Amino acid sequence: MNAPLRPGRPPVFATLGCRLNAYETEAMTRLAAEAGVEHAVVVNTCAVTAEAVRKARQEIRRLARENPGAAVIVTGCAAQVEPATFAAMPEVSHVIGNAEKMRAEIWAGLAPELIGATERVQVDDIMSVRETAGHLIDGFGTRARAYVQVQNGCDHRCTFCIIPYGRGNSRSVPAGVVVEQIGRLVAAGYNEVVLTGVDLTSWGADLPGAPRLGDLVRRILRLVPDLPRLRISSIDSIEADPALMEAIATEPRLMPHLHLSLQHGDDLILKRMKRRHLREEAIAFCEEARRLRPDIAFGADLIAGFPTETEAAFENTLALVEDCGLTFLHVFPFSPRQGTPAARMPQLPGPVIRARAARLRAAGQGALVRHLAAQLGRSQRVLMEGPQLGRTEHFAELRTTAGHPVGAIVALEPTGHDGRALIA
């Protein structure tokens, strides 16, 4: 990436943000290659926080310096939400919206012979988009696991979140398309598939008959019997449907690991966030899932320092780690995002936010250590991500001194851990 680009060489892609962005970068790589795009840098941005936008600008400037003369094309959520910000940067040649970046004709216009005549800013109303681009690629990932986009966008309006304005309203990939994709991935040798989306549990609401995520999961497992492992990425627990809960209870190929979009543990803060669940509902979901699948492990997104958060409110979030039995935490210090209601609420001092985030991370580390210790001496089915690195069914990292084929599922018995990963 550090060498200057030359005509005739494929473009360099930089991905910031979520797994869905990485999925779409894979699709753009193919679209750009088919269109003959050359001597270009493509930055797929994230808009989740003001800090994410700042990092996007920083990355653009760095790549422009390292690739003199290359066309710098900016896309992704930040480009969708703030096209003028990036169009004003002298390094940027083109700004492409989130819907536009998935269209072959847009990339055809960025080919060397046409790029000078192509409109510089191509960002339309994302709210008017009604289809996903799930048909573009079968999935992406390492040789070990593949990610399949089944949903995009979000119909909810949490007060801290700008993402619906970057991704548009919720829209689903039809179940038949998803099953066909996963069948091809299994035939290509993938042993694990991860379903991904912006608001995964809203899958199906816009499809005929309004199927639910649980219906999709059960259909995949029924129609792709050779798929060894199916994993679900982040879900909203309040939207978990009965069919999904039944699959958790009865389908051993559905991995016993759920990442929950909880965000907070205090009812008043949850209401100010415009979340659709309360504290006790989150705890009840975890208790029910654990009753159905006693070995299930939970991850969660949690925000520290949301506006008006008192010490008592923060303590409710801290207690959620134990009350829900959380293992893998993604902790976000609150960062006001311009254009969201939360940015206009009374803000907490930065040092308070950072200190609370650190306390949450420490609680998460303690929970992870307890989980790892509980796995010692128990045989684990490990999907190898590298010759000496893999993940258990519960998504715990495992390191081993013996070499194994990448993508293989092997039985290993951990004898220790280092606080982050099991060791076998």
Protein backbone atom coordinates (compact mmCIF):
# COMPACT_ATOMS: atom_id res chain seq x y z
CA MET A 1 0.00 0.00 0.00
CA ASN A 2 2.90 2.37 0.54
CA ALA A 3 4.18 2.28 -3.05
CA PRO A 4 2.82 4.88 -5.51
CA LEU A 5 0.13 3.57 -7.82
CA ARG A 6 0.78 3.37 -11.54
CA PRO A 7 -1.68 3.20 -14.44
CA GLY A 8 -2.52 -0.40 -15.20
CA ARG A 9 -2.51 -1.37 -11.52
CA PRO A 10 -5.78 -2.14 -9.72
CA PRO A 11 -7.08 0.42 -7.23
CA VAL A 12 -6.22 0.32 -3.55
CA PHE A 13 -9.20 -0.05 -1.18
CA ALA A 14 -9.27 1.12 2.44
CA THR A 15 -12.15 0.00 4.65
CA LEU A 16 -13.17 1.78 7.84
CA GLY A 17 -15.88 0.65 10.24
CA CYS A 18 -18.12 -2.39 10.30
CA ARG A 19 -18.23 -5.86 8.78
CA LEU A 20 -20.88 -4.70 6.34
CA ASN A 21 -18.46 -2.11 4.97
CA ALA A 22 -15.89 -4.88 4.53
CA TYR A 23 -18.49 -6.96 2.69
CA GLU A 24 -19.25 -4.05 0.38
CA THR A 25 -15.58 -3.31 -0.22
CA GLU A 26 -15.26 -6.86 -1.51
CA ALA A 27 -18.13 -6.18 -3.91
CA MET A 28 -16.61 -2.85 -5.01
CA THR A 29 -13.28 -4.53 -5.66
CA ARG A 30 -14.97 -6.79 -8.20
CA LEU A 31 -17.06 -3.99 -9.72
CA ALA A 32 -13.97 -1.80 -10.13
CA ALA A 33 -12.02 -4.63 -11.74
CA GLU A 34 -14.84 -5.35 -14.19
CA ALA A 35 -15.03 -1.65 -15.09
CA GLY A 36 -11.27 -1.35 -15.62
CA VAL A 37 -10.73 1.28 -12.90
CA GLU A 38 -7.03 2.05 -12.48
CA HIS A 39 -4.69 4.41 -10.64
CA ALA A 40 -7.21 5.04 -7.86
CA VAL A 41 -7.61 4.93 -4.10
CA VAL A 42 -11.08 4.05 -2.76
CA VAL A 43 -11.87 4.87 0.88
CA ASN A 44 -15.01 3.20 2.27
CA THR A 45 -15.85 5.38 5.28
CA CYS A 46 -17.72 5.00 8.56
CA ALA A 47 -19.96 7.63 10.16
CA VAL A 48 -20.83 6.05 13.49
CA THR A 49 -19.13 8.82 15.51
CA ALA A 50 -17.55 12.20 14.87
CA GLU A 51 -14.22 10.50 15.59
CA ALA A 52 -14.90 8.03 12.76
CA VAL A 53 -15.35 10.91 10.32
CA ARG A 54 -12.15 12.55 11.56
CA LYS A 55 -10.26 9.29 11.02
CA ALA A 56 -11.73 9.02 7.52
CA ARG A 57 -10.36 12.45 6.59
CA GLN A 58 -7.01 11.50 8.10
CA GLU A 59 -6.91 8.25 6.11
CA ILE A 60 -7.80 10.07 2.88
CA ARG A 61 -4.93 12.53 3.32
CA ARG A 62 -2.48 9.75 4.14
CA LEU A 63 -3.42 7.67 1.12
CA ALA A 64 -3.31 10.67 -1.17
CA ARG A 65 0.24 11.44 0.00
CA GLU A 66 1.35 7.84 -0.46
CA ASN A 67 -0.24 7.53 -3.92
CA PRO A 68 0.51 10.78 -5.78
CA GLY A 69 -1.57 11.34 -8.87
CA ALA A 70 -4.14 8.66 -8.02
CA ALA A 71 -7.83 9.49 -8.16
CA VAL A 72 -9.17 9.46 -4.58
CA ILE A 73 -12.74 8.11 -4.47
CA VAL A 74 -14.62 8.43 -1.17
CA THR A 75 -17.71 6.39 -0.39
CA GLY A 76 -19.45 4.76 2.58
CA CYS A 77 -21.63 6.12 5.37
CA ALA A 78 -19.65 9.29 6.06
CA ALA A 79 -19.70 10.17 2.35
CA GLN A 80 -23.45 9.54 2.29
CA VAL A 81 -24.17 11.68 5.34
CA GLU A 82 -21.60 14.45 4.73
CA PRO A 83 -20.84 14.56 0.99
CA ALA A 84 -19.94 18.25 1.10
CA THR A 85 -17.30 17.63 3.77
CA PHE A 86 -15.38 15.26 1.52
CA ALA A 87 -16.06 17.14 -1.72
CA ALA A 88 -14.35 20.13 -0.11
CA MET A 89 -11.13 18.18 0.46
CA PRO A 90 -8.58 19.00 -2.26
CA GLU A 91 -7.33 15.39 -2.23
CA VAL A 92 -10.74 13.97 -3.21
CA SER A 93 -11.69 13.51 -6.84
CA HIS A 94 -15.10 11.81 -6.44
CA VAL A 95 -17.68 11.25 -3.68
CA ILE A 96 -19.96 8.24 -4.16
CA GLY A 97 -23.03 7.40 -2.06
CA ASN A 98 -23.80 4.11 -0.34
CA ALA A 99 -26.34 3.02 -2.93
CA GLU A 100 -24.27 4.26 -5.86
CA LYS A 101 -21.17 2.32 -4.79
CA MET A 102 -23.01 -0.95 -5.48
CA ARG A 103 -23.88 -0.06 -9.09
CA ALA A 104 -21.80 -1.30 -12.02
CA GLU A 105 -22.60 1.77 -14.14
CA ILE A 106 -21.11 4.08 -11.50
CA TRP A 107 -17.81 2.19 -11.60
CA ALA A 108 -17.87 2.16 -15.40
CA GLY A 109 -17.87 5.96 -15.23
CA LEU A 110 -14.71 5.87 -13.09
CA ALA A 111 -12.67 4.05 -15.73
CA PRO A 112 -9.58 6.04 -16.85
CA GLU A 113 -11.09 7.21 -20.16
CA LEU A 114 -14.31 8.49 -18.49
CA ILE A 115 -13.36 9.64 -15.01
CA GLY A 116 -12.67 13.23 -16.05
CA ALA A 117 -16.18 13.62 -17.44
CA THR A 118 -17.97 11.84 -14.58
CA GLU A 119 -20.01 13.90 -12.13
CA ARG A 120 -17.83 14.55 -9.08
CA VAL A 121 -20.46 14.01 -6.38
CA GLN A 122 -22.95 11.18 -6.88
CA VAL A 123 -24.96 10.84 -3.67
CA ASP A 124 -28.71 10.33 -3.93
CA ASP A 125 -31.43 10.00 -1.28
CA ILE A 126 -30.61 6.76 0.55
CA MET A 127 -34.13 6.66 2.01
CA SER A 128 -35.52 5.99 -1.47
CA VAL A 129 -33.50 2.76 -1.85
CA ARG A 130 -35.70 -0.34 -1.67
CA GLU A 131 -33.32 -3.18 -2.54
CA THR A 132 -30.18 -4.68 -1.06
CA ALA A 133 -27.10 -5.50 -3.08
CA GLY A 134 -26.82 -8.99 -1.64
CA HIS A 135 -26.82 -10.55 -5.06
CA LEU A 136 -23.47 -9.00 -5.96
CA ILE A 137 -21.19 -11.43 -4.13
CA ASP A 138 -21.50 -14.76 -2.39
CA GLY A 139 -19.68 -13.61 0.73
CA PHE A 140 -16.30 -12.60 1.96
CA GLY A 141 -13.92 -13.41 4.74
CA THR A 142 -10.89 -15.49 5.45
CA ARG A 143 -10.53 -19.02 4.18
CA ALA A 144 -12.12 -20.05 7.49
CA ARG A 145 -15.49 -18.26 7.51
CA ALA A 146 -17.65 -16.28 5.12
CA TYR A 147 -19.96 -13.36 5.88
CA VAL A 148 -23.25 -13.09 4.02
CA GLN A 149 -25.22 -9.84 3.98
CA VAL A 150 -28.91 -10.63 4.43
CA GLN A 151 -30.16 -7.17 5.44
CA ASN A 152 -29.24 -3.50 5.15
CA GLY A 153 -30.52 -0.26 6.65
CA CYS A 154 -32.53 0.45 9.80
CA ASP A 155 -36.06 1.69 10.49
CA HIS A 156 -35.31 2.76 14.06
CA ARG A 157 -34.08 6.17 15.16
CA CYS A 158 -31.94 5.80 18.28
CA THR A 159 -30.99 9.27 19.45
CA PHE A 160 -27.23 8.61 19.32
CA CYS A 161 -27.13 6.98 15.89
CA ILE A 162 -26.56 8.49 12.45
CA ILE A 163 -26.41 5.14 10.64
CA PRO A 164 -30.02 5.09 9.29
CA TYR A 165 -29.19 8.29 7.40
CA GLY A 166 -26.14 6.61 5.90
CA ARG A 167 -27.75 3.23 5.21
CA GLY A 168 -31.41 4.03 4.59
CA ASN A 169 -34.45 2.10 5.72
CA SER A 170 -34.39 -1.62 6.43
CA ARG A 171 -34.47 -3.95 3.44
CA SER A 172 -33.93 -7.68 3.22
CA VAL A 173 -32.33 -10.16 0.85
CA PRO A 174 -34.92 -12.83 -0.05
CA ALA A 175 -34.44 -16.16 1.69
CA GLY A 176 -34.01 -18.07 -1.56
CA VAL A 177 -31.10 -15.84 -2.59
CA VAL A 178 -29.47 -16.28 0.83
CA VAL A 179 -29.82 -20.08 0.72
CA GLU A 180 -28.33 -20.23 -2.79
CA GLN A 181 -25.37 -18.08 -1.70
CA ILE A 182 -24.68 -20.22 1.34
CA GLY A 183 -24.95 -23.39 -0.74
CA ARG A 184 -22.26 -22.06 -3.07
CA LEU A 185 -20.07 -21.08 -0.14
CA VAL A 186 -20.31 -24.56 1.38
CA ALA A 187 -19.49 -26.08 -2.00
CA ALA A 188 -16.44 -23.80 -2.11
CA GLY A 189 -15.22 -25.26 1.19
CA TYR A 190 -16.39 -22.80 3.85
CA ASN A 191 -17.18 -24.45 7.18
CA GLU A 192 -18.77 -21.43 8.84
CA VAL A 193 -21.11 -18.74 7.56
CA VAL A 194 -22.01 -15.57 9.48
CA LEU A 195 -25.27 -13.76 8.74
CA THR A 196 -24.71 -10.02 8.85
CA GLY A 197 -26.70 -6.80 8.48
CA VAL A 198 -27.28 -3.39 10.02
CA ASP A 199 -30.39 -4.45 12.00
CA LEU A 200 -30.37 -8.20 11.54
CA THR A 201 -33.48 -9.03 13.57
CA SER A 202 -35.58 -6.80 11.30
CA TRP A 203 -34.86 -9.20 8.42
CA GLY A 204 -37.99 -10.16 6.49
CA ALA A 205 -40.36 -7.36 7.53
CA ASP A 206 -40.32 -5.97 3.97
CA LEU A 207 -40.65 -9.36 2.24
CA PRO A 208 -43.90 -11.09 1.23
CA GLY A 209 -45.49 -12.74 4.24
CA ALA A 210 -43.12 -10.86 6.60
CA PRO A 211 -40.95 -13.84 7.62
CA ARG A 212 -38.69 -13.47 10.66
CA LEU A 213 -34.99 -14.07 11.21
CA GLY A 214 -35.71 -17.40 12.91
CA ASP A 215 -37.52 -18.56 9.78
CA LEU A 216 -34.44 -17.73 7.71
CA VAL A 217 -32.10 -19.52 10.13
CA ARG A 218 -34.20 -22.68 10.14
CA ARG A 219 -34.56 -22.60 6.34
CA ILE A 220 -30.79 -22.31 5.87
CA LEU A 221 -30.08 -25.20 8.20
CA ARG A 222 -32.75 -27.36 6.58
CA LEU A 223 -31.82 -26.64 2.95
CA VAL A 224 -28.03 -26.55 3.37
CA PRO A 225 -27.48 -29.71 5.43
CA ASP A 226 -23.74 -29.78 4.69
CA LEU A 227 -23.13 -26.41 6.39
CA PRO A 228 -21.25 -27.28 9.61
CA ARG A 229 -21.62 -23.94 11.42
CA LEU A 230 -24.03 -21.01 11.12
CA ARG A 231 -23.41 -17.91 13.20
CA ILE A 232 -25.52 -14.81 13.76
CA SER A 233 -23.89 -11.42 14.14
CA SER A 234 -25.30 -8.62 16.31
CA ILE A 235 -29.01 -8.81 17.12
CA ASP A 236 -31.55 -6.68 18.94
CA SER A 237 -32.80 -8.99 21.70
CA ILE A 238 -36.24 -7.37 21.89
CA GLU A 239 -36.85 -8.46 18.27
CA ALA A 240 -35.86 -12.10 18.76
CA ASP A 241 -38.77 -14.17 17.40
CA PRO A 242 -40.08 -17.57 18.62
CA ALA A 243 -38.59 -19.42 15.65
CA LEU A 244 -35.16 -17.99 16.44
CA MET A 245 -35.47 -19.05 20.07
CA GLU A 246 -36.52 -22.53 18.93
CA ALA A 247 -33.46 -22.69 16.66
CA ILE A 248 -31.23 -21.68 19.58
CA ALA A 249 -32.71 -24.53 21.59
CA THR A 250 -32.70 -27.27 18.96
CA GLU A 251 -30.10 -26.56 16.27
CA PRO A 252 -26.57 -27.62 17.27
CA ARG A 253 -25.18 -26.17 14.01
CA LEU A 254 -26.37 -22.70 15.12
CA MET A 255 -23.43 -21.49 17.17
CA PRO A 256 -24.05 -20.83 20.91
CA HIS A 257 -22.92 -17.21 20.76
CA LEU A 258 -25.03 -14.07 20.36
CA HIS A 259 -23.83 -10.48 20.25
CA LEU A 260 -26.51 -8.23 21.70
CA SER A 261 -27.18 -4.59 20.91
CA LEU A 262 -27.91 -3.58 24.53
CA GLN A 263 -26.23 -0.13 24.69
CA HIS A 264 -27.14 0.58 28.34
CA GLY A 265 -28.47 -0.91 31.56
CA ASP A 266 -30.52 1.97 32.97
CA ASP A 267 -34.18 2.40 32.01
CA LEU A 268 -34.18 6.20 31.92
CA ILE A 269 -31.07 6.31 29.70
CA LEU A 270 -32.54 3.59 27.46
CA LYS A 271 -35.63 5.77 27.00
CA ARG A 272 -33.48 8.80 26.21
CA MET A 273 -31.62 6.66 23.68
CA LYS A 274 -35.03 5.66 22.19
CA ARG A 275 -34.15 2.02 22.60
CA ARG A 276 -37.11 -0.36 22.50
CA HIS A 277 -36.24 -2.51 25.50
CA LEU A 278 -35.87 -2.00 29.22
CA ARG A 279 -33.25 -3.39 31.56
CA GLU A 280 -35.37 -6.28 32.85
CA GLU A 281 -36.29 -7.31 29.31
CA ALA A 282 -32.61 -7.65 28.40
CA ILE A 283 -31.97 -9.74 31.51
CA ALA A 284 -35.04 -11.89 30.83
CA PHE A 285 -33.91 -12.56 27.26
CA CYS A 286 -30.50 -13.74 28.43
CA GLU A 287 -32.06 -15.95 31.10
CA GLU A 288 -34.44 -17.52 28.57
CA ALA A 289 -31.71 -18.07 25.96
CA ARG A 290 -29.51 -19.67 28.62
CA ARG A 291 -32.40 -21.90 29.71
CA LEU A 292 -32.81 -23.05 26.11
CA ARG A 293 -29.05 -23.38 25.47
CA PRO A 294 -27.22 -23.62 28.81
CA ASP A 295 -23.76 -23.12 27.29
CA ILE A 296 -24.62 -20.01 25.26
CA ALA A 297 -22.20 -17.06 25.46
CA PHE A 298 -23.17 -13.41 25.05
CA GLY A 299 -21.34 -10.41 23.73
CA ALA A 300 -22.80 -6.91 23.90
CA ASP A 301 -22.42 -3.34 22.72
CA LEU A 302 -22.44 -0.90 25.65
CA ILE A 303 -22.11 2.89 25.66
CA ALA A 304 -20.43 4.67 28.57
CA GLY A 305 -21.10 8.31 29.36
CA PHE A 306 -24.31 8.93 27.45
CA PRO A 307 -25.64 12.46 28.06
CA THR A 308 -27.30 12.90 31.51
CA GLU A 309 -25.89 9.54 32.70
CA THR A 310 -25.55 9.69 36.50
CA GLU A 311 -23.21 7.51 38.50
CA ALA A 312 -26.21 5.39 39.55
CA ALA A 313 -27.27 4.97 35.90
CA PHE A 314 -23.76 3.94 34.95
CA GLU A 315 -23.70 1.42 37.81
CA ASN A 316 -26.80 -0.18 36.27
CA THR A 317 -24.86 -0.72 33.06
CA LEU A 318 -21.88 -2.05 34.98
CA ALA A 319 -24.14 -4.51 36.82
CA LEU A 320 -25.56 -5.69 33.48
CA VAL A 321 -22.30 -7.54 32.80
CA GLU A 322 -23.09 -9.94 35.64
CA ASP A 323 -26.89 -9.75 35.51
CA CYS A 324 -26.92 -10.81 31.83
CA GLY A 325 -23.84 -13.01 32.05
CA LEU A 326 -21.99 -11.08 29.34
CA THR A 327 -18.62 -12.36 28.14
CA PHE A 328 -17.42 -10.31 25.14
CA LEU A 329 -17.93 -6.55 25.50
CA HIS A 330 -17.68 -3.85 22.85
CA VAL A 331 -17.45 -0.68 24.95
CA PHE A 332 -18.00 2.70 23.29
CA PRO A 333 -17.20 5.94 25.12
CA PHE A 334 -20.03 8.26 24.09
CA SER A 335 -19.05 10.63 21.31
CA PRO A 336 -21.63 13.20 20.14
CA ARG A 337 -22.51 12.79 16.48
CA GLN A 338 -23.60 16.02 14.79
CA GLY A 339 -27.12 15.68 13.44
CA THR A 340 -28.38 13.35 16.18
CA PRO A 341 -30.67 14.31 19.09
CA ALA A 342 -28.13 13.04 21.63
CA ALA A 343 -25.62 15.62 20.45
CA ARG A 344 -28.00 18.34 21.69
CA MET A 345 -28.42 16.81 25.16
CA PRO A 346 -26.34 17.90 28.19
CA GLN A 347 -22.93 16.28 27.72
CA LEU A 348 -20.72 14.68 30.36
CA PRO A 349 -17.09 15.77 30.82
CA GLY A 350 -14.63 13.80 28.70
CA PRO A 351 -12.61 12.47 31.68
CA VAL A 352 -15.79 11.07 33.26
CA ILE A 353 -16.76 9.32 30.03
CA ARG A 354 -13.29 7.82 29.61
CA ALA A 355 -13.13 6.67 33.24
CA ARG A 356 -16.50 4.93 32.99
CA ALA A 357 -15.54 3.26 29.73
CA ALA A 358 -12.38 1.97 31.40
CA ARG A 359 -14.40 0.54 34.30
CA LEU A 360 -16.74 -1.21 31.85
CA ARG A 361 -13.80 -2.66 29.93
CA ALA A 362 -12.27 -3.91 33.18
CA ALA A 363 -15.56 -5.63 34.06
CA GLY A 364 -15.61 -7.16 30.59
CA GLN A 365 -12.06 -8.41 30.98
CA GLY A 366 -12.97 -10.05 34.28
CA ALA A 367 -15.96 -11.75 32.66
CA LEU A 368 -13.80 -12.98 29.77
CA VAL A 369 -11.22 -14.45 32.16
CA ARG A 370 -13.97 -16.31 34.03
CA HIS A 371 -15.35 -17.68 30.76
CA LEU A 372 -11.94 -18.83 29.56
CA ALA A 373 -11.19 -20.50 32.89
CA ALA A 374 -14.49 -22.38 32.72
CA GLN A 375 -13.51 -23.90 29.34
CA LEU A 376 -10.26 -25.50 30.56
CA GLY A 377 -10.21 -29.26 30.24
CA ARG A 378 -13.31 -29.28 28.02
CA SER A 379 -12.96 -30.48 24.44
CA GLN A 380 -13.63 -27.62 22.01
CA ARG A 381 -14.56 -27.76 18.34
CA VAL A 382 -12.32 -25.06 16.91
CA LEU A 383 -12.55 -23.45 13.48
CA MET A 384 -8.97 -22.71 12.50
CA GLU A 385 -8.43 -19.15 11.24
CA GLY A 386 -4.69 -19.71 10.92
CA PRO A 387 -2.39 -22.71 11.40
CA GLN A 388 -2.18 -21.99 15.15
CA LEU A 389 -5.20 -19.76 15.75
CA GLY A 390 -8.92 -20.55 15.83
CA ARG A 391 -12.29 -19.82 17.41
CA THR A 392 -14.45 -22.08 19.54
CA GLU A 393 -18.16 -22.45 18.95
CA HIS A 394 -18.63 -19.74 21.60
CA PHE A 395 -16.29 -17.45 19.60
CA ALA A 396 -13.51 -17.57 22.16
CA GLU A 397 -10.06 -17.26 20.61
CA LEU A 398 -7.82 -20.33 20.94
CA ARG A 399 -4.10 -20.58 20.26
CA THR A 400 -2.26 -23.84 19.78
CA THR A 401 1.36 -24.79 19.21
CA ALA A 402 0.37 -27.53 16.74
CA GLY A 403 -0.32 -26.61 13.14
CA HIS A 404 -3.73 -27.29 11.57
CA PRO A 405 -5.21 -26.58 8.12
CA VAL A 406 -6.88 -23.18 7.85
CA GLY A 407 -10.65 -23.59 7.67
CA ALA A 408 -10.66 -27.02 9.32
CA ILE A 409 -12.77 -27.74 12.39
CA VAL A 410 -10.63 -29.62 14.90
CA ALA A 411 -11.22 -30.94 18.43
CA LEU A 412 -8.83 -29.36 20.93
CA GLU A 413 -8.71 -29.40 24.71
CA PRO A 414 -7.45 -26.13 26.22
CA THR A 415 -5.04 -26.44 29.11
CA GLY A 416 -4.64 -22.77 29.94
CA HIS A 417 -5.39 -19.20 28.94
CA ASP A 418 -3.57 -15.86 28.85
CA GLY A 419 -6.51 -13.64 29.76
CA ARG A 420 -7.45 -13.12 26.12
CA ALA A 421 -7.38 -16.54 24.49
CA LEU A 422 -7.47 -20.21 25.35
CA ILE A 423 -4.23 -22.17 24.91
CA ALA A 424 -4.08 -25.77 23.74
